[in-house]
Amino acid sequence: MYFTDRGIEELEERRGTEQISVSWLAERLRDFVDEHPAAEGTVDSLASWLARLEDDDELDELSGAGEDAADADSGDDGG
């Protein structure tokens, strides 16, 4: 487990059964950046990644890459 997984696990344990809107999430991300300006680039990257996630999956399916591309992305980089 990576160190950052602790926060992810806490989020899942505390709020894993809740359903939220993307608008609510966007507001919380803005609030977080307001409190932690140094994290702006990381939060922006995460938001962009989440926004494009489904588009990438659809493109992979159309190109026939599908699972092969996902497996390559999740490969072990030795770390």
PDB file of N, CA and C in Angstrom:
ATOM      1  N   MET A   1       0.850  -1.182   0.000  1.00  0.00           N
ATOM      2  CA  MET A   1       0.000   0.000   0.000  1.00  0.00           C
ATOM      3  C   MET A   1       0.890   1.237   0.000  1.00  0.00           C
ATOM      4  N   TYR A   2       0.532   2.195  -0.856  1.00  0.00           N
ATOM      5  CA  TYR A   2       1.230   3.466  -0.875  1.00  0.00           C
ATOM      6  C   TYR A   2       0.758   4.301   0.301  1.00  0.00           C
ATOM      7  N   PHE A   3       1.606   5.239   0.749  1.00  0.00           N
ATOM      8  CA  PHE A   3       1.247   6.109   1.856  1.00  0.00           C
ATOM      9  C   PHE A   3      -0.050   6.856   1.553  1.00  0.00           C
ATOM     10  N   THR A   4      -0.216   7.321   0.307  1.00  0.00           N
ATOM     11  CA  THR A   4      -1.406   8.089  -0.052  1.00  0.00           C
ATOM     12  C   THR A   4      -2.672   7.250  -0.012  1.00  0.00           C
ATOM     13  N   ASP A   5      -2.549   5.939  -0.042  1.00  0.00           N
ATOM     14  CA  ASP A   5      -3.724   5.079   0.035  1.00  0.00           C
ATOM     15  C   ASP A   5      -4.461   5.224   1.357  1.00  0.00           C
ATOM     16  N   ARG A   6      -3.771   5.686   2.380  1.00  0.00           N
ATOM     17  CA  ARG A   6      -4.438   5.836   3.683  1.00  0.00           C
ATOM     18  C   ARG A   6      -5.609   6.793   3.595  1.00  0.00           C
ATOM     19  N   GLY A   7      -5.398   7.917   2.941  1.00  0.00           N
ATOM     20  CA  GLY A   7      -6.480   8.890   2.776  1.00  0.00           C
ATOM     21  C   GLY A   7      -7.596   8.354   1.917  1.00  0.00           C
ATOM     22  N   ILE A   8      -7.224   7.630   0.874  1.00  0.00           N
ATOM     23  CA  ILE A   8      -8.224   7.029  -0.011  1.00  0.00           C
ATOM     24  C   ILE A   8      -9.038   5.997   0.755  1.00  0.00           C
ATOM     25  N   GLU A   9      -8.376   5.190   1.553  1.00  0.00           N
ATOM     26  CA  GLU A   9      -9.094   4.193   2.349  1.00  0.00           C
ATOM     27  C   GLU A   9     -10.006   4.855   3.373  1.00  0.00           C
ATOM     28  N   GLU A  10      -9.544   5.943   4.003  1.00  0.00           N
ATOM     29  CA  GLU A  10     -10.393   6.652   4.956  1.00  0.00           C
ATOM     30  C   GLU A  10     -11.626   7.214   4.253  1.00  0.00           C
ATOM     31  N   LEU A  11     -11.426   7.781   3.072  1.00  0.00           N
ATOM     32  CA  LEU A  11     -12.548   8.307   2.300  1.00  0.00           C
ATOM     33  C   LEU A  11     -13.562   7.212   1.987  1.00  0.00           C
ATOM     34  N   GLU A  12     -13.053   6.074   1.551  1.00  0.00           N
ATOM     35  CA  GLU A  12     -13.942   4.965   1.210  1.00  0.00           C
ATOM     36  C   GLU A  12     -14.678   4.442   2.438  1.00  0.00           C
ATOM     37  N   GLU A  13     -13.988   4.339   3.572  1.00  0.00           N
ATOM     38  CA  GLU A  13     -14.619   3.839   4.792  1.00  0.00           C
ATOM     39  C   GLU A  13     -15.682   4.795   5.309  1.00  0.00           C
ATOM     40  N   ARG A  14     -15.388   6.095   5.309  1.00  0.00           N
ATOM     41  CA  ARG A  14     -16.305   7.074   5.877  1.00  0.00           C
ATOM     42  C   ARG A  14     -17.450   7.433   4.935  1.00  0.00           C
ATOM     43  N   ARG A  15     -17.170   7.477   3.627  1.00  0.00           N
ATOM     44  CA  ARG A  15     -18.163   7.993   2.693  1.00  0.00           C
ATOM     45  C   ARG A  15     -18.449   7.060   1.522  1.00  0.00           C
ATOM     46  N   GLY A  16     -17.981   5.832   1.619  1.00  0.00           N
ATOM     47  CA  GLY A  16     -18.091   4.899   0.507  1.00  0.00           C
ATOM     48  C   GLY A  16     -19.497   4.567   0.075  1.00  0.00           C
ATOM     49  N   THR A  17     -20.469   4.738   0.939  1.00  0.00           N
ATOM     50  CA  THR A  17     -21.856   4.416   0.577  1.00  0.00           C
ATOM     51  C   THR A  17     -22.630   5.639   0.084  1.00  0.00           C
ATOM     52  N   GLU A  18     -22.020   6.829   0.178  1.00  0.00           N
ATOM     53  CA  GLU A  18     -22.708   8.053  -0.227  1.00  0.00           C
ATOM     54  C   GLU A  18     -22.653   8.247  -1.737  1.00  0.00           C
ATOM     55  N   GLN A  19     -23.645   8.946  -2.246  1.00  0.00           N
ATOM     56  CA  GLN A  19     -23.640   9.363  -3.642  1.00  0.00           C
ATOM     57  C   GLN A  19     -23.568  10.883  -3.647  1.00  0.00           C
ATOM     58  N   ILE A  20     -22.685  11.419  -4.487  1.00  0.00           N
ATOM     59  CA  ILE A  20     -22.500  12.864  -4.557  1.00  0.00           C
ATOM     60  C   ILE A  20     -22.582  13.304  -6.009  1.00  0.00           C
ATOM     61  N   SER A  21     -22.795  14.591  -6.199  1.00  0.00           N
ATOM     62  CA  SER A  21     -22.794  15.133  -7.558  1.00  0.00           C
ATOM     63  C   SER A  21     -21.384  15.591  -7.902  1.00  0.00           C
ATOM     64  N   VAL A  22     -21.119  15.666  -9.177  1.00  0.00           N
ATOM     65  CA  VAL A  22     -19.820  16.154  -9.632  1.00  0.00           C
ATOM     66  C   VAL A  22     -19.677  17.629  -9.243  1.00  0.00           C
ATOM     67  N   SER A  23     -20.770  18.360  -9.250  1.00  0.00           N
ATOM     68  CA  SER A  23     -20.732  19.771  -8.836  1.00  0.00           C
ATOM     69  C   SER A  23     -20.299  19.899  -7.381  1.00  0.00           C
ATOM     70  N   TRP A  24     -20.815  19.026  -6.521  1.00  0.00           N
ATOM     71  CA  TRP A  24     -20.412  19.037  -5.109  1.00  0.00           C
ATOM     72  C   TRP A  24     -18.921  18.742  -4.988  1.00  0.00           C
ATOM     73  N   LEU A  25     -18.445  17.736  -5.715  1.00  0.00           N
ATOM     74  CA  LEU A  25     -17.025  17.385  -5.681  1.00  0.00           C
ATOM     75  C   LEU A  25     -16.173  18.547  -6.168  1.00  0.00           C
ATOM     76  N   ALA A  26     -16.585  19.195  -7.247  1.00  0.00           N
ATOM     77  CA  ALA A  26     -15.833  20.329  -7.775  1.00  0.00           C
ATOM     78  C   ALA A  26     -15.723  21.442  -6.730  1.00  0.00           C
ATOM     79  N   GLU A  27     -16.809  21.714  -6.023  1.00  0.00           N
ATOM     80  CA  GLU A  27     -16.773  22.737  -4.968  1.00  0.00           C
ATOM     81  C   GLU A  27     -15.808  22.362  -3.851  1.00  0.00           C
ATOM     82  N   ARG A  28     -15.828  21.084  -3.438  1.00  0.00           N
ATOM     83  CA  ARG A  28     -14.910  20.642  -2.380  1.00  0.00           C
ATOM     84  C   ARG A  28     -13.451  20.743  -2.836  1.00  0.00           C
ATOM     85  N   LEU A  29     -13.197  20.435  -4.109  1.00  0.00           N
ATOM     86  CA  LEU A  29     -11.837  20.567  -4.638  1.00  0.00           C
ATOM     87  C   LEU A  29     -11.404  22.035  -4.626  1.00  0.00           C
ATOM     88  N   ARG A  30     -12.319  22.943  -4.986  1.00  0.00           N
ATOM     89  CA  ARG A  30     -12.004  24.374  -4.919  1.00  0.00           C
ATOM     90  C   ARG A  30     -11.718  24.802  -3.489  1.00  0.00           C
ATOM     91  N   ASP A  31     -12.538  24.336  -2.546  1.00  0.00           N
ATOM     92  CA  ASP A  31     -12.313  24.653  -1.132  1.00  0.00           C
ATOM     93  C   ASP A  31     -10.939  24.164  -0.680  1.00  0.00           C
ATOM     94  N   PHE A  32     -10.581  22.948  -1.099  1.00  0.00           N
ATOM     95  CA  PHE A  32      -9.293  22.375  -0.717  1.00  0.00           C
ATOM     96  C   PHE A  32      -8.141  23.223  -1.255  1.00  0.00           C
ATOM     97  N   VAL A  33      -8.240  23.635  -2.520  1.00  0.00           N
ATOM     98  CA  VAL A  33      -7.183  24.460  -3.117  1.00  0.00           C
ATOM     99  C   VAL A  33      -7.106  25.816  -2.427  1.00  0.00           C
ATOM    100  N   ASP A  34      -8.252  26.370  -2.026  1.00  0.00           N
ATOM    101  CA  ASP A  34      -8.234  27.634  -1.289  1.00  0.00           C
ATOM    102  C   ASP A  34      -7.450  27.492   0.010  1.00  0.00           C
ATOM    103  N   GLU A  35      -7.596  26.348   0.673  1.00  0.00           N
ATOM    104  CA  GLU A  35      -6.890  26.104   1.939  1.00  0.00           C
ATOM    105  C   GLU A  35      -5.459  25.631   1.741  1.00  0.00           C
ATOM    106  N   HIS A  36      -5.169  25.019   0.592  1.00  0.00           N
ATOM    107  CA  HIS A  36      -3.844  24.445   0.310  1.00  0.00           C
ATOM    108  C   HIS A  36      -3.403  24.848  -1.100  1.00  0.00           C
ATOM    109  N   PRO A  37      -3.048  26.123  -1.292  1.00  0.00           N
ATOM    110  CA  PRO A  37      -2.708  26.607  -2.637  1.00  0.00           C
ATOM    111  C   PRO A  37      -1.561  25.848  -3.300  1.00  0.00           C
ATOM    112  N   ALA A  38      -0.660  25.295  -2.539  1.00  0.00           N
ATOM    113  CA  ALA A  38       0.465  24.556  -3.119  1.00  0.00           C
ATOM    114  C   ALA A  38       0.003  23.293  -3.833  1.00  0.00           C
ATOM    115  N   ALA A  39      -1.194  22.814  -3.516  1.00  0.00           N
ATOM    116  CA  ALA A  39      -1.717  21.592  -4.129  1.00  0.00           C
ATOM    117  C   ALA A  39      -2.527  21.872  -5.388  1.00  0.00           C
ATOM    118  N   GLU A  40      -2.558  23.128  -5.826  1.00  0.00           N
ATOM    119  CA  GLU A  40      -3.409  23.495  -6.961  1.00  0.00           C
ATOM    120  C   GLU A  40      -3.110  22.665  -8.213  1.00  0.00           C
ATOM    121  N   GLY A  41      -1.846  22.494  -8.548  1.00  0.00           N
ATOM    122  CA  GLY A  41      -1.483  21.741  -9.744  1.00  0.00           C
ATOM    123  C   GLY A  41      -1.919  20.288  -9.666  1.00  0.00           C
ATOM    124  N   THR A  42      -1.732  19.674  -8.502  1.00  0.00           N
ATOM    125  CA  THR A  42      -2.121  18.277  -8.320  1.00  0.00           C
ATOM    126  C   THR A  42      -3.631  18.115  -8.398  1.00  0.00           C
ATOM    127  N   VAL A  43      -4.363  18.996  -7.742  1.00  0.00           N
ATOM    128  CA  VAL A  43      -5.823  18.926  -7.760  1.00  0.00           C
ATOM    129  C   VAL A  43      -6.332  19.162  -9.180  1.00  0.00           C
ATOM    130  N   ASP A  44      -5.728  20.104  -9.887  1.00  0.00           N
ATOM    131  CA  ASP A  44      -6.132  20.369 -11.258  1.00  0.00           C
ATOM    132  C   ASP A  44      -5.884  19.149 -12.147  1.00  0.00           C
ATOM    133  N   SER A  45      -4.741  18.494 -11.948  1.00  0.00           N
ATOM    134  CA  SER A  45      -4.439  17.281 -12.717  1.00  0.00           C
ATOM    135  C   SER A  45      -5.439  16.172 -12.414  1.00  0.00           C
ATOM    136  N   LEU A  46      -5.763  15.994 -11.142  1.00  0.00           N
ATOM    137  CA  LEU A  46      -6.748  14.981 -10.755  1.00  0.00           C
ATOM    138  C   LEU A  46      -8.104  15.282 -11.378  1.00  0.00           C
ATOM    139  N   ALA A  47      -8.532  16.537 -11.307  1.00  0.00           N
ATOM    140  CA  ALA A  47      -9.831  16.913 -11.869  1.00  0.00           C
ATOM    141  C   ALA A  47      -9.867  16.662 -13.383  1.00  0.00           C
ATOM    142  N   SER A  48      -8.791  17.025 -14.074  1.00  0.00           N
ATOM    143  CA  SER A  48      -8.734  16.786 -15.520  1.00  0.00           C
ATOM    144  C   SER A  48      -8.760  15.301 -15.831  1.00  0.00           C
ATOM    145  N   TRP A  49      -8.032  14.529 -15.052  1.00  0.00           N
ATOM    146  CA  TRP A  49      -7.999  13.075 -15.250  1.00  0.00           C
ATOM    147  C   TRP A  49      -9.384  12.477 -15.055  1.00  0.00           C
ATOM    148  N   LEU A  50     -10.071  12.893 -13.987  1.00  0.00           N
ATOM    149  CA  LEU A  50     -11.420  12.390 -13.739  1.00  0.00           C
ATOM    150  C   LEU A  50     -12.382  12.823 -14.839  1.00  0.00           C
ATOM    151  N   ALA A  51     -12.250  14.058 -15.309  1.00  0.00           N
ATOM    152  CA  ALA A  51     -13.143  14.559 -16.342  1.00  0.00           C
ATOM    153  C   ALA A  51     -13.002  13.779 -17.642  1.00  0.00           C
ATOM    154  N   ARG A  52     -11.799  13.325 -17.930  1.00  0.00           N
ATOM    155  CA  ARG A  52     -11.530  12.651 -19.198  1.00  0.00           C
ATOM    156  C   ARG A  52     -11.543  11.132 -19.091  1.00  0.00           C
ATOM    157  N   LEU A  53     -11.708  10.593 -17.911  1.00  0.00           N
ATOM    158  CA  LEU A  53     -11.596   9.164 -17.674  1.00  0.00           C
ATOM    159  C   LEU A  53     -12.528   8.361 -18.566  1.00  0.00           C
ATOM    160  N   GLU A  54     -13.789   8.690 -18.599  1.00  0.00           N
ATOM    161  CA  GLU A  54     -14.748   7.941 -19.410  1.00  0.00           C
ATOM    162  C   GLU A  54     -14.439   8.095 -20.891  1.00  0.00           C
ATOM    163  N   ASP A  55     -14.032   9.294 -21.313  1.00  0.00           N
ATOM    164  CA  ASP A  55     -13.688   9.519 -22.718  1.00  0.00           C
ATOM    165  C   ASP A  55     -12.559   8.596 -23.140  1.00  0.00           C
ATOM    166  N   ASP A  56     -11.543   8.453 -22.291  1.00  0.00           N
ATOM    167  CA  ASP A  56     -10.412   7.579 -22.601  1.00  0.00           C
ATOM    168  C   ASP A  56     -10.856   6.129 -22.722  1.00  0.00           C
ATOM    169  N   ASP A  57     -11.751   5.684 -21.831  1.00  0.00           N
ATOM    170  CA  ASP A  57     -12.253   4.313 -21.883  1.00  0.00           C
ATOM    171  C   ASP A  57     -12.998   4.064 -23.190  1.00  0.00           C
ATOM    172  N   GLU A  58     -13.810   5.037 -23.604  1.00  0.00           N
ATOM    173  CA  GLU A  58     -14.549   4.894 -24.854  1.00  0.00           C
ATOM    174  C   GLU A  58     -13.602   4.860 -26.048  1.00  0.00           C
ATOM    175  N   LEU A  59     -12.565   5.697 -26.033  1.00  0.00           N
ATOM    176  CA  LEU A  59     -11.598   5.703 -27.121  1.00  0.00           C
ATOM    177  C   LEU A  59     -10.853   4.382 -27.193  1.00  0.00           C
ATOM    178  N   ASP A  60     -10.498   3.821 -26.031  1.00  0.00           N
ATOM    179  CA  ASP A  60      -9.818   2.531 -26.005  1.00  0.00           C
ATOM    180  C   ASP A  60     -10.688   1.448 -26.618  1.00  0.00           C
ATOM    181  N   GLU A  61     -11.988   1.459 -26.291  1.00  0.00           N
ATOM    182  CA  GLU A  61     -12.893   0.456 -26.842  1.00  0.00           C
ATOM    183  C   GLU A  61     -13.020   0.602 -28.355  1.00  0.00           C
ATOM    184  N   LEU A  62     -13.098   1.841 -28.824  1.00  0.00           N
ATOM    185  CA  LEU A  62     -13.238   2.075 -30.259  1.00  0.00           C
ATOM    186  C   LEU A  62     -11.988   1.650 -31.025  1.00  0.00           C
ATOM    187  N   SER A  63     -10.822   1.837 -30.400  1.00  0.00           N
ATOM    188  CA  SER A  63      -9.578   1.497 -31.090  1.00  0.00           C
ATOM    189  C   SER A  63      -9.217   0.029 -30.925  1.00  0.00           C
ATOM    190  N   GLY A  64      -9.982  -0.695 -30.093  1.00  0.00           N
ATOM    191  CA  GLY A  64      -9.700  -2.100 -29.872  1.00  0.00           C
ATOM    192  C   GLY A  64      -8.657  -2.345 -28.808  1.00  0.00           C
ATOM    193  N   ALA A  65      -8.174  -1.278 -28.144  1.00  0.00           N
ATOM    194  CA  ALA A  65      -7.134  -1.438 -27.127  1.00  0.00           C
ATOM    195  C   ALA A  65      -7.725  -2.029 -25.851  1.00  0.00           C
ATOM    196  N   GLY A  66      -8.866  -1.518 -25.427  1.00  0.00           N
ATOM    197  CA  GLY A  66      -9.591  -2.030 -24.267  1.00  0.00           C
ATOM    198  C   GLY A  66      -8.736  -2.446 -23.105  1.00  0.00           C
ATOM    199  N   GLU A  67      -8.833  -3.721 -22.730  1.00  0.00           N
ATOM    200  CA  GLU A  67      -8.150  -4.242 -21.562  1.00  0.00           C
ATOM    201  C   GLU A  67      -6.635  -4.212 -21.709  1.00  0.00           C
ATOM    202  N   ASP A  68      -6.130  -4.394 -22.901  1.00  0.00           N
ATOM    203  CA  ASP A  68      -4.688  -4.387 -23.087  1.00  0.00           C
ATOM    204  C   ASP A  68      -4.083  -3.063 -22.656  1.00  0.00           C
ATOM    205  N   ALA A  69      -4.726  -1.940 -23.010  1.00  0.00           N
ATOM    206  CA  ALA A  69      -4.212  -0.633 -22.619  1.00  0.00           C
ATOM    207  C   ALA A  69      -4.322  -0.446 -21.120  1.00  0.00           C
ATOM    208  N   ALA A  70      -5.425  -0.895 -20.523  1.00  0.00           N
ATOM    209  CA  ALA A  70      -5.594  -0.756 -19.088  1.00  0.00           C
ATOM    210  C   ALA A  70      -4.553  -1.590 -18.345  1.00  0.00           C
ATOM    211  N   ASP A  71      -4.286  -2.779 -18.837  1.00  0.00           N
ATOM    212  CA  ASP A  71      -3.276  -3.619 -18.200  1.00  0.00           C
ATOM    213  C   ASP A  71      -1.898  -2.986 -18.288  1.00  0.00           C
ATOM    214  N   ALA A  72      -1.572  -2.359 -19.391  1.00  0.00           N
ATOM    215  CA  ALA A  72      -0.274  -1.722 -19.554  1.00  0.00           C
ATOM    216  C   ALA A  72      -0.150  -0.533 -18.620  1.00  0.00           C
ATOM    217  N   ASP A  73      -1.233   0.222 -18.439  1.00  0.00           N
ATOM    218  CA  ASP A  73      -1.205   1.393 -17.565  1.00  0.00           C
ATOM    219  C   ASP A  73      -1.038   1.007 -16.110  1.00  0.00           C
ATOM    220  N   SER A  74      -1.545  -0.146 -15.711  1.00  0.00           N
ATOM    221  CA  SER A  74      -1.498  -0.534 -14.309  1.00  0.00           C
ATOM    222  C   SER A  74      -0.309  -1.433 -13.997  1.00  0.00           C
ATOM    223  N   GLY A  75       0.596  -1.560 -14.933  1.00  0.00           N
ATOM    224  CA  GLY A  75       1.750  -2.444 -14.741  1.00  0.00           C
ATOM    225  C   GLY A  75       2.650  -1.955 -13.612  1.00  0.00           C
ATOM    226  N   ASP A  76       3.416  -2.865 -13.057  1.00  0.00           N
ATOM    227  CA  ASP A  76       4.338  -2.573 -11.968  1.00  0.00           C
ATOM    228  C   ASP A  76       5.557  -1.864 -12.517  1.00  0.00           C
ATOM    229  N   ASP A  77       5.856  -0.683 -11.950  1.00  0.00           N
ATOM    230  CA  ASP A  77       7.011   0.074 -12.422  1.00  0.00           C
ATOM    231  C   ASP A  77       8.230  -0.153 -11.538  1.00  0.00           C
ATOM    232  N   GLY A  78       8.182  -1.189 -10.734  1.00  0.00           N
ATOM    233  CA  GLY A  78       9.319  -1.542  -9.895  1.00  0.00           C
ATOM    234  C   GLY A  78       9.359  -0.814  -8.580  1.00  0.00           C
ATOM    235  N   GLY A  79       8.332   0.026  -8.272  1.00  0.00           N
ATOM    236  CA  GLY A  79       8.370   0.826  -7.057  1.00  0.00           C
ATOM    237  C   GLY A  79       7.501   0.361  -5.999  1.00  0.00           C
TER     238      GLY A  79
END
